Amino acid sequence: MINLSMFPKAFCTINKELQRINRNALEQLGEKGVMFKFPPAVASTHTALVLKEPKTKTSIRKIFLPKTVAEMLVKKA
């Protein structure tokens, strides 16, 4: 999520991660922490691309954007 309402102190909140997981491991875990499972690009693949919660609480963070990047995003919005 990108927050531009606090411009010029715009920031991006990292609260999800994209990960490629072995399908067997995903079934064994019962899709714990998985928010979305993307459809496979190739039918015979042994892995799945998933959007999931971060592994640790410290992985959730706020990254402040440089002023030039924030200005470009405001212009595009």
PDB file of N, CA and C in Angstrom:
ATOM      1  N   MET A   1       0.846  -1.173   0.000  1.00  0.00           N
ATOM      2  CA  MET A   1       0.000   0.000   0.000  1.00  0.00           C
ATOM      3  C   MET A   1       0.889   1.232   0.000  1.00  0.00           C
ATOM      4  N   ILE A   2       0.572   2.193  -0.852  1.00  0.00           N
ATOM      5  CA  ILE A   2       1.316   3.445  -0.917  1.00  0.00           C
ATOM      6  C   ILE A   2       0.427   4.558  -0.402  1.00  0.00           C
ATOM      7  N   ASN A   3       0.913   5.299   0.571  1.00  0.00           N
ATOM      8  CA  ASN A   3       0.159   6.396   1.165  1.00  0.00           C
ATOM      9  C   ASN A   3       0.747   7.709   0.684  1.00  0.00           C
ATOM     10  N   LEU A   4      -0.002   8.422  -0.163  1.00  0.00           N
ATOM     11  CA  LEU A   4       0.451   9.715  -0.673  1.00  0.00           C
ATOM     12  C   LEU A   4      -0.269  10.870   0.008  1.00  0.00           C
ATOM     13  N   SER A   5      -1.177  10.573   0.920  1.00  0.00           N
ATOM     14  CA  SER A   5      -1.941  11.633   1.572  1.00  0.00           C
ATOM     15  C   SER A   5      -1.072  12.466   2.505  1.00  0.00           C
ATOM     16  N   MET A   6       0.042  11.911   2.940  1.00  0.00           N
ATOM     17  CA  MET A   6       0.934  12.630   3.844  1.00  0.00           C
ATOM     18  C   MET A   6       2.093  13.272   3.080  1.00  0.00           C
ATOM     19  N   PHE A   7       1.876  13.573   1.810  1.00  0.00           N
ATOM     20  CA  PHE A   7       2.906  14.179   0.966  1.00  0.00           C
ATOM     21  C   PHE A   7       3.419  15.427   1.639  1.00  0.00           C
ATOM     22  N   PRO A   8       4.682  15.721   1.765  1.00  0.00           N
ATOM     23  CA  PRO A   8       5.834  15.111   1.101  1.00  0.00           C
ATOM     24  C   PRO A   8       6.435  13.913   1.832  1.00  0.00           C
ATOM     25  N   LYS A   9       5.869  13.465   2.954  1.00  0.00           N
ATOM     26  CA  LYS A   9       6.410  12.295   3.658  1.00  0.00           C
ATOM     27  C   LYS A   9       5.635  11.048   3.246  1.00  0.00           C
ATOM     28  N   ALA A  10       5.629  10.775   1.966  1.00  0.00           N
ATOM     29  CA  ALA A  10       4.913   9.614   1.436  1.00  0.00           C
ATOM     30  C   ALA A  10       5.658   8.340   1.821  1.00  0.00           C
ATOM     31  N   PHE A  11       4.893   7.259   2.016  1.00  0.00           N
ATOM     32  CA  PHE A  11       5.513   5.999   2.387  1.00  0.00           C
ATOM     33  C   PHE A  11       4.766   4.830   1.779  1.00  0.00           C
ATOM     34  N   CYS A  12       5.443   3.695   1.770  1.00  0.00           N
ATOM     35  CA  CYS A  12       4.892   2.437   1.268  1.00  0.00           C
ATOM     36  C   CYS A  12       4.895   1.460   2.438  1.00  0.00           C
ATOM     37  N   THR A  13       3.761   0.824   2.710  1.00  0.00           N
ATOM     38  CA  THR A  13       3.674  -0.146   3.786  1.00  0.00           C
ATOM     39  C   THR A  13       3.823  -1.550   3.213  1.00  0.00           C
ATOM     40  N   ILE A  14       4.794  -2.277   3.716  1.00  0.00           N
ATOM     41  CA  ILE A  14       5.028  -3.656   3.280  1.00  0.00           C
ATOM     42  C   ILE A  14       4.340  -4.569   4.297  1.00  0.00           C
ATOM     43  N   ASN A  15       3.253  -5.225   3.887  1.00  0.00           N
ATOM     44  CA  ASN A  15       2.527  -6.112   4.800  1.00  0.00           C
ATOM     45  C   ASN A  15       2.119  -7.430   4.143  1.00  0.00           C
ATOM     46  N   LYS A  16       2.679  -7.707   2.970  1.00  0.00           N
ATOM     47  CA  LYS A  16       2.427  -8.959   2.258  1.00  0.00           C
ATOM     48  C   LYS A  16       3.720  -9.377   1.575  1.00  0.00           C
ATOM     49  N   GLU A  17       3.828 -10.652   1.231  1.00  0.00           N
ATOM     50  CA  GLU A  17       4.982 -11.096   0.456  1.00  0.00           C
ATOM     51  C   GLU A  17       4.536 -12.068  -0.622  1.00  0.00           C
ATOM     52  N   LEU A  18       5.244 -12.017  -1.726  1.00  0.00           N
ATOM     53  CA  LEU A  18       4.986 -12.891  -2.861  1.00  0.00           C
ATOM     54  C   LEU A  18       6.029 -13.998  -2.804  1.00  0.00           C
ATOM     55  N   GLN A  19       5.579 -15.253  -2.826  1.00  0.00           N
ATOM     56  CA  GLN A  19       6.505 -16.358  -2.664  1.00  0.00           C
ATOM     57  C   GLN A  19       6.096 -17.533  -3.536  1.00  0.00           C
ATOM     58  N   ARG A  20       7.104 -18.215  -4.078  1.00  0.00           N
ATOM     59  CA  ARG A  20       6.863 -19.446  -4.836  1.00  0.00           C
ATOM     60  C   ARG A  20       7.069 -20.615  -3.874  1.00  0.00           C
ATOM     61  N   ILE A  21       6.027 -21.463  -3.753  1.00  0.00           N
ATOM     62  CA  ILE A  21       6.029 -22.547  -2.772  1.00  0.00           C
ATOM     63  C   ILE A  21       5.755 -23.872  -3.473  1.00  0.00           C
ATOM     64  N   ASN A  22       6.412 -24.914  -3.015  1.00  0.00           N
ATOM     65  CA  ASN A  22       6.169 -26.258  -3.515  1.00  0.00           C
ATOM     66  C   ASN A  22       4.711 -26.623  -3.222  1.00  0.00           C
ATOM     67  N   ARG A  23       4.010 -27.155  -4.216  1.00  0.00           N
ATOM     68  CA  ARG A  23       2.578 -27.487  -4.055  1.00  0.00           C
ATOM     69  C   ARG A  23       2.327 -28.485  -2.927  1.00  0.00           C
ATOM     70  N   ASN A  24       3.219 -29.469  -2.769  1.00  0.00           N
ATOM     71  CA  ASN A  24       3.046 -30.462  -1.695  1.00  0.00           C
ATOM     72  C   ASN A  24       3.158 -29.799  -0.328  1.00  0.00           C
ATOM     73  N   ALA A  25       4.114 -28.897  -0.174  1.00  0.00           N
ATOM     74  CA  ALA A  25       4.274 -28.185   1.101  1.00  0.00           C
ATOM     75  C   ALA A  25       3.063 -27.303   1.369  1.00  0.00           C
ATOM     76  N   LEU A  26       2.521 -26.693   0.329  1.00  0.00           N
ATOM     77  CA  LEU A  26       1.344 -25.838   0.477  1.00  0.00           C
ATOM     78  C   LEU A  26       0.139 -26.650   0.960  1.00  0.00           C
ATOM     79  N   GLU A  27      -0.037 -27.855   0.421  1.00  0.00           N
ATOM     80  CA  GLU A  27      -1.140 -28.719   0.850  1.00  0.00           C
ATOM     81  C   GLU A  27      -0.947 -29.190   2.292  1.00  0.00           C
ATOM     82  N   GLN A  28       0.287 -29.498   2.678  1.00  0.00           N
ATOM     83  CA  GLN A  28       0.569 -29.962   4.038  1.00  0.00           C
ATOM     84  C   GLN A  28       0.324 -28.861   5.064  1.00  0.00           C
ATOM     85  N   LEU A  29       0.611 -27.607   4.693  1.00  0.00           N
ATOM     86  CA  LEU A  29       0.392 -26.491   5.606  1.00  0.00           C
ATOM     87  C   LEU A  29      -1.073 -26.086   5.695  1.00  0.00           C
ATOM     88  N   GLY A  30      -1.878 -26.569   4.772  1.00  0.00           N
ATOM     89  CA  GLY A  30      -3.287 -26.192   4.756  1.00  0.00           C
ATOM     90  C   GLY A  30      -3.485 -24.746   4.332  1.00  0.00           C
ATOM     91  N   GLU A  31      -2.576 -24.247   3.529  1.00  0.00           N
ATOM     92  CA  GLU A  31      -2.619 -22.867   3.020  1.00  0.00           C
ATOM     93  C   GLU A  31      -2.656 -21.840   4.152  1.00  0.00           C
ATOM     94  N   LYS A  32      -1.977 -22.143   5.244  1.00  0.00           N
ATOM     95  CA  LYS A  32      -1.909 -21.249   6.404  1.00  0.00           C
ATOM     96  C   LYS A  32      -1.203 -19.942   6.021  1.00  0.00           C
ATOM     97  N   GLY A  33      -1.871 -18.811   6.262  1.00  0.00           N
ATOM     98  CA  GLY A  33      -1.289 -17.504   5.992  1.00  0.00           C
ATOM     99  C   GLY A  33      -1.366 -17.065   4.538  1.00  0.00           C
ATOM    100  N   VAL A  34      -1.928 -17.902   3.669  1.00  0.00           N
ATOM    101  CA  VAL A  34      -2.019 -17.580   2.243  1.00  0.00           C
ATOM    102  C   VAL A  34      -3.247 -16.704   2.001  1.00  0.00           C
ATOM    103  N   MET A  35      -3.034 -15.555   1.383  1.00  0.00           N
ATOM    104  CA  MET A  35      -4.135 -14.638   1.076  1.00  0.00           C
ATOM    105  C   MET A  35      -4.716 -14.903  -0.315  1.00  0.00           C
ATOM    106  N   PHE A  36      -3.824 -15.264  -1.260  1.00  0.00           N
ATOM    107  CA  PHE A  36      -4.265 -15.503  -2.632  1.00  0.00           C
ATOM    108  C   PHE A  36      -3.313 -16.481  -3.288  1.00  0.00           C
ATOM    109  N   LYS A  37      -3.865 -17.419  -4.030  1.00  0.00           N
ATOM    110  CA  LYS A  37      -3.069 -18.379  -4.788  1.00  0.00           C
ATOM    111  C   LYS A  37      -3.261 -18.069  -6.268  1.00  0.00           C
ATOM    112  N   PHE A  38      -2.178 -17.729  -6.956  1.00  0.00           N
ATOM    113  CA  PHE A  38      -2.248 -17.384  -8.371  1.00  0.00           C
ATOM    114  C   PHE A  38      -2.396 -18.639  -9.218  1.00  0.00           C
ATOM    115  N   PRO A  39      -3.137 -18.538 -10.329  1.00  0.00           N
ATOM    116  CA  PRO A  39      -3.279 -19.715 -11.206  1.00  0.00           C
ATOM    117  C   PRO A  39      -1.932 -20.057 -11.847  1.00  0.00           C
ATOM    118  N   PRO A  40      -1.666 -21.340 -12.052  1.00  0.00           N
ATOM    119  CA  PRO A  40      -0.374 -21.734 -12.633  1.00  0.00           C
ATOM    120  C   PRO A  40      -0.245 -21.273 -14.086  1.00  0.00           C
ATOM    121  N   ALA A  41       0.945 -20.828 -14.454  1.00  0.00           N
ATOM    122  CA  ALA A  41       1.221 -20.414 -15.832  1.00  0.00           C
ATOM    123  C   ALA A  41       1.436 -21.640 -16.716  1.00  0.00           C
ATOM    124  N   VAL A  42       1.978 -22.705 -16.112  1.00  0.00           N
ATOM    125  CA  VAL A  42       2.219 -23.962 -16.813  1.00  0.00           C
ATOM    126  C   VAL A  42       1.536 -25.068 -16.007  1.00  0.00           C
ATOM    127  N   ALA A  43       0.796 -25.929 -16.676  1.00  0.00           N
ATOM    128  CA  ALA A  43       0.004 -26.956 -15.980  1.00  0.00           C
ATOM    129  C   ALA A  43       0.865 -27.973 -15.236  1.00  0.00           C
ATOM    130  N   SER A  44       2.063 -28.268 -15.721  1.00  0.00           N
ATOM    131  CA  SER A  44       2.874 -29.334 -15.127  1.00  0.00           C
ATOM    132  C   SER A  44       3.887 -28.835 -14.094  1.00  0.00           C
ATOM    133  N   THR A  45       3.665 -27.670 -13.534  1.00  0.00           N
ATOM    134  CA  THR A  45       4.607 -27.134 -12.556  1.00  0.00           C
ATOM    135  C   THR A  45       4.401 -27.758 -11.174  1.00  0.00           C
ATOM    136  N   HIS A  46       5.470 -27.825 -10.401  1.00  0.00           N
ATOM    137  CA  HIS A  46       5.413 -28.401  -9.052  1.00  0.00           C
ATOM    138  C   HIS A  46       5.347 -27.322  -7.977  1.00  0.00           C
ATOM    139  N   THR A  47       5.282 -26.064  -8.406  1.00  0.00           N
ATOM    140  CA  THR A  47       5.244 -24.965  -7.449  1.00  0.00           C
ATOM    141  C   THR A  47       4.027 -24.081  -7.705  1.00  0.00           C
ATOM    142  N   ALA A  48       3.703 -23.262  -6.712  1.00  0.00           N
ATOM    143  CA  ALA A  48       2.598 -22.316  -6.841  1.00  0.00           C
ATOM    144  C   ALA A  48       3.073 -20.950  -6.373  1.00  0.00           C
ATOM    145  N   LEU A  49       2.606 -19.911  -7.035  1.00  0.00           N
ATOM    146  CA  LEU A  49       2.918 -18.544  -6.653  1.00  0.00           C
ATOM    147  C   LEU A  49       1.793 -18.058  -5.754  1.00  0.00           C
ATOM    148  N   VAL A  50       2.145 -17.613  -4.535  1.00  0.00           N
ATOM    149  CA  VAL A  50       1.128 -17.202  -3.567  1.00  0.00           C
ATOM    150  C   VAL A  50       1.464 -15.837  -2.972  1.00  0.00           C
ATOM    151  N   LEU A  51       0.412 -15.116  -2.625  1.00  0.00           N
ATOM    152  CA  LEU A  51       0.520 -13.874  -1.877  1.00  0.00           C
ATOM    153  C   LEU A  51       0.172 -14.236  -0.445  1.00  0.00           C
ATOM    154  N   LYS A  52       1.088 -13.954   0.479  1.00  0.00           N
ATOM    155  CA  LYS A  52       0.885 -14.425   1.840  1.00  0.00           C
ATOM    156  C   LYS A  52       1.317 -13.410   2.872  1.00  0.00           C
ATOM    157  N   GLU A  53       0.969 -13.706   4.115  1.00  0.00           N
ATOM    158  CA  GLU A  53       1.390 -12.873   5.231  1.00  0.00           C
ATOM    159  C   GLU A  53       2.889 -13.056   5.428  1.00  0.00           C
ATOM    160  N   PRO A  54       3.601 -12.013   5.878  1.00  0.00           N
ATOM    161  CA  PRO A  54       5.035 -12.167   6.158  1.00  0.00           C
ATOM    162  C   PRO A  54       5.282 -13.201   7.251  1.00  0.00           C
ATOM    163  N   LYS A  55       6.466 -13.793   7.245  1.00  0.00           N
ATOM    164  CA  LYS A  55       6.799 -14.837   8.210  1.00  0.00           C
ATOM    165  C   LYS A  55       6.907 -14.292   9.632  1.00  0.00           C
ATOM    166  N   THR A  56       7.438 -13.080   9.776  1.00  0.00           N
ATOM    167  CA  THR A  56       7.628 -12.508  11.112  1.00  0.00           C
ATOM    168  C   THR A  56       6.999 -11.130  11.208  1.00  0.00           C
ATOM    169  N   LYS A  57       6.749 -10.666  12.421  1.00  0.00           N
ATOM    170  CA  LYS A  57       6.175  -9.338  12.624  1.00  0.00           C
ATOM    171  C   LYS A  57       7.133  -8.242  12.189  1.00  0.00           C
ATOM    172  N   THR A  58       8.442  -8.505  12.280  1.00  0.00           N
ATOM    173  CA  THR A  58       9.421  -7.483  11.877  1.00  0.00           C
ATOM    174  C   THR A  58       9.492  -7.320  10.360  1.00  0.00           C
ATOM    175  N   SER A  59       8.899  -8.244   9.620  1.00  0.00           N
ATOM    176  CA  SER A  59       8.851  -8.106   8.159  1.00  0.00           C
ATOM    177  C   SER A  59       7.838  -7.053   7.727  1.00  0.00           C
ATOM    178  N   ILE A  60       6.895  -6.735   8.594  1.00  0.00           N
ATOM    179  CA  ILE A  60       5.917  -5.688   8.304  1.00  0.00           C
ATOM    180  C   ILE A  60       6.589  -4.360   8.620  1.00  0.00           C
ATOM    181  N   ARG A  61       6.709  -3.506   7.603  1.00  0.00           N
ATOM    182  CA  ARG A  61       7.466  -2.271   7.784  1.00  0.00           C
ATOM    183  C   ARG A  61       6.942  -1.150   6.917  1.00  0.00           C
ATOM    184  N   LYS A  62       7.426   0.036   7.191  1.00  0.00           N
ATOM    185  CA  LYS A  62       7.059   1.236   6.449  1.00  0.00           C
ATOM    186  C   LYS A  62       8.326   1.775   5.792  1.00  0.00           C
ATOM    187  N   ILE A  63       8.259   1.990   4.475  1.00  0.00           N
ATOM    188  CA  ILE A  63       9.394   2.517   3.732  1.00  0.00           C
ATOM    189  C   ILE A  63       9.021   3.898   3.217  1.00  0.00           C
ATOM    190  N   PHE A  64       9.802   4.904   3.609  1.00  0.00           N
ATOM    191  CA  PHE A  64       9.538   6.262   3.151  1.00  0.00           C
ATOM    192  C   PHE A  64      10.098   6.443   1.748  1.00  0.00           C
ATOM    193  N   LEU A  65       9.315   7.103   0.894  1.00  0.00           N
ATOM    194  CA  LEU A  65       9.696   7.304  -0.498  1.00  0.00           C
ATOM    195  C   LEU A  65      10.453   8.617  -0.660  1.00  0.00           C
ATOM    196  N   PRO A  66      11.443   8.649  -1.554  1.00  0.00           N
ATOM    197  CA  PRO A  66      12.120   9.905  -1.844  1.00  0.00           C
ATOM    198  C   PRO A  66      11.118  10.917  -2.417  1.00  0.00           C
ATOM    199  N   LYS A  67      11.378  12.187  -2.198  1.00  0.00           N
ATOM    200  CA  LYS A  67      10.470  13.246  -2.630  1.00  0.00           C
ATOM    201  C   LYS A  67      10.192  13.178  -4.133  1.00  0.00           C
ATOM    202  N   THR A  68      11.219  12.899  -4.931  1.00  0.00           N
ATOM    203  CA  THR A  68      11.033  12.845  -6.388  1.00  0.00           C
ATOM    204  C   THR A  68      10.093  11.714  -6.792  1.00  0.00           C
ATOM    205  N   VAL A  69      10.201  10.566  -6.128  1.00  0.00           N
ATOM    206  CA  VAL A  69       9.330   9.430  -6.435  1.00  0.00           C
ATOM    207  C   VAL A  69       7.893   9.758  -6.036  1.00  0.00           C
ATOM    208  N   ALA A  70       7.721  10.346  -4.859  1.00  0.00           N
ATOM    209  CA  ALA A  70       6.372  10.729  -4.392  1.00  0.00           C
ATOM    210  C   ALA A  70       5.731  11.716  -5.339  1.00  0.00           C
ATOM    211  N   GLU A  71       6.504  12.698  -5.821  1.00  0.00           N
ATOM    212  CA  GLU A  71       5.971  13.695  -6.753  1.00  0.00           C
ATOM    213  C   GLU A  71       5.540  13.027  -8.059  1.00  0.00           C
ATOM    214  N   MET A  72       6.338  12.074  -8.551  1.00  0.00           N
ATOM    215  CA  MET A  72       5.966  11.380  -9.796  1.00  0.00           C
ATOM    216  C   MET A  72       4.686  10.569  -9.604  1.00  0.00           C
ATOM    217  N   LEU A  73       4.528   9.922  -8.454  1.00  0.00           N
ATOM    218  CA  LEU A  73       3.320   9.150  -8.182  1.00  0.00           C
ATOM    219  C   LEU A  73       2.087  10.053  -8.058  1.00  0.00           C
ATOM    220  N   VAL A  74       2.248  11.223  -7.468  1.00  0.00           N
ATOM    221  CA  VAL A  74       1.133  12.168  -7.341  1.00  0.00           C
ATOM    222  C   VAL A  74       0.707  12.639  -8.723  1.00  0.00           C
ATOM    223  N   LYS A  75       1.659  12.885  -9.616  1.00  0.00           N
ATOM    224  CA  LYS A  75       1.341  13.335 -10.986  1.00  0.00           C
ATOM    225  C   LYS A  75       0.591  12.256 -11.754  1.00  0.00           C
ATOM    226  N   LYS A  76       0.946  10.993 -11.546  1.00  0.00           N
ATOM    227  CA  LYS A  76       0.327   9.865 -12.255  1.00  0.00           C
ATOM    228  C   LYS A  76      -1.069   9.535 -11.713  1.00  0.00           C
ATOM    229  N   ALA A  77      -1.321   9.890 -10.471  1.00  0.00           N
ATOM    230  CA  ALA A  77      -2.602   9.527  -9.838  1.00  0.00           C
ATOM    231  C   ALA A  77      -3.746  10.372 -10.294  1.00  0.00           C
TER     232      ALA A  77
END
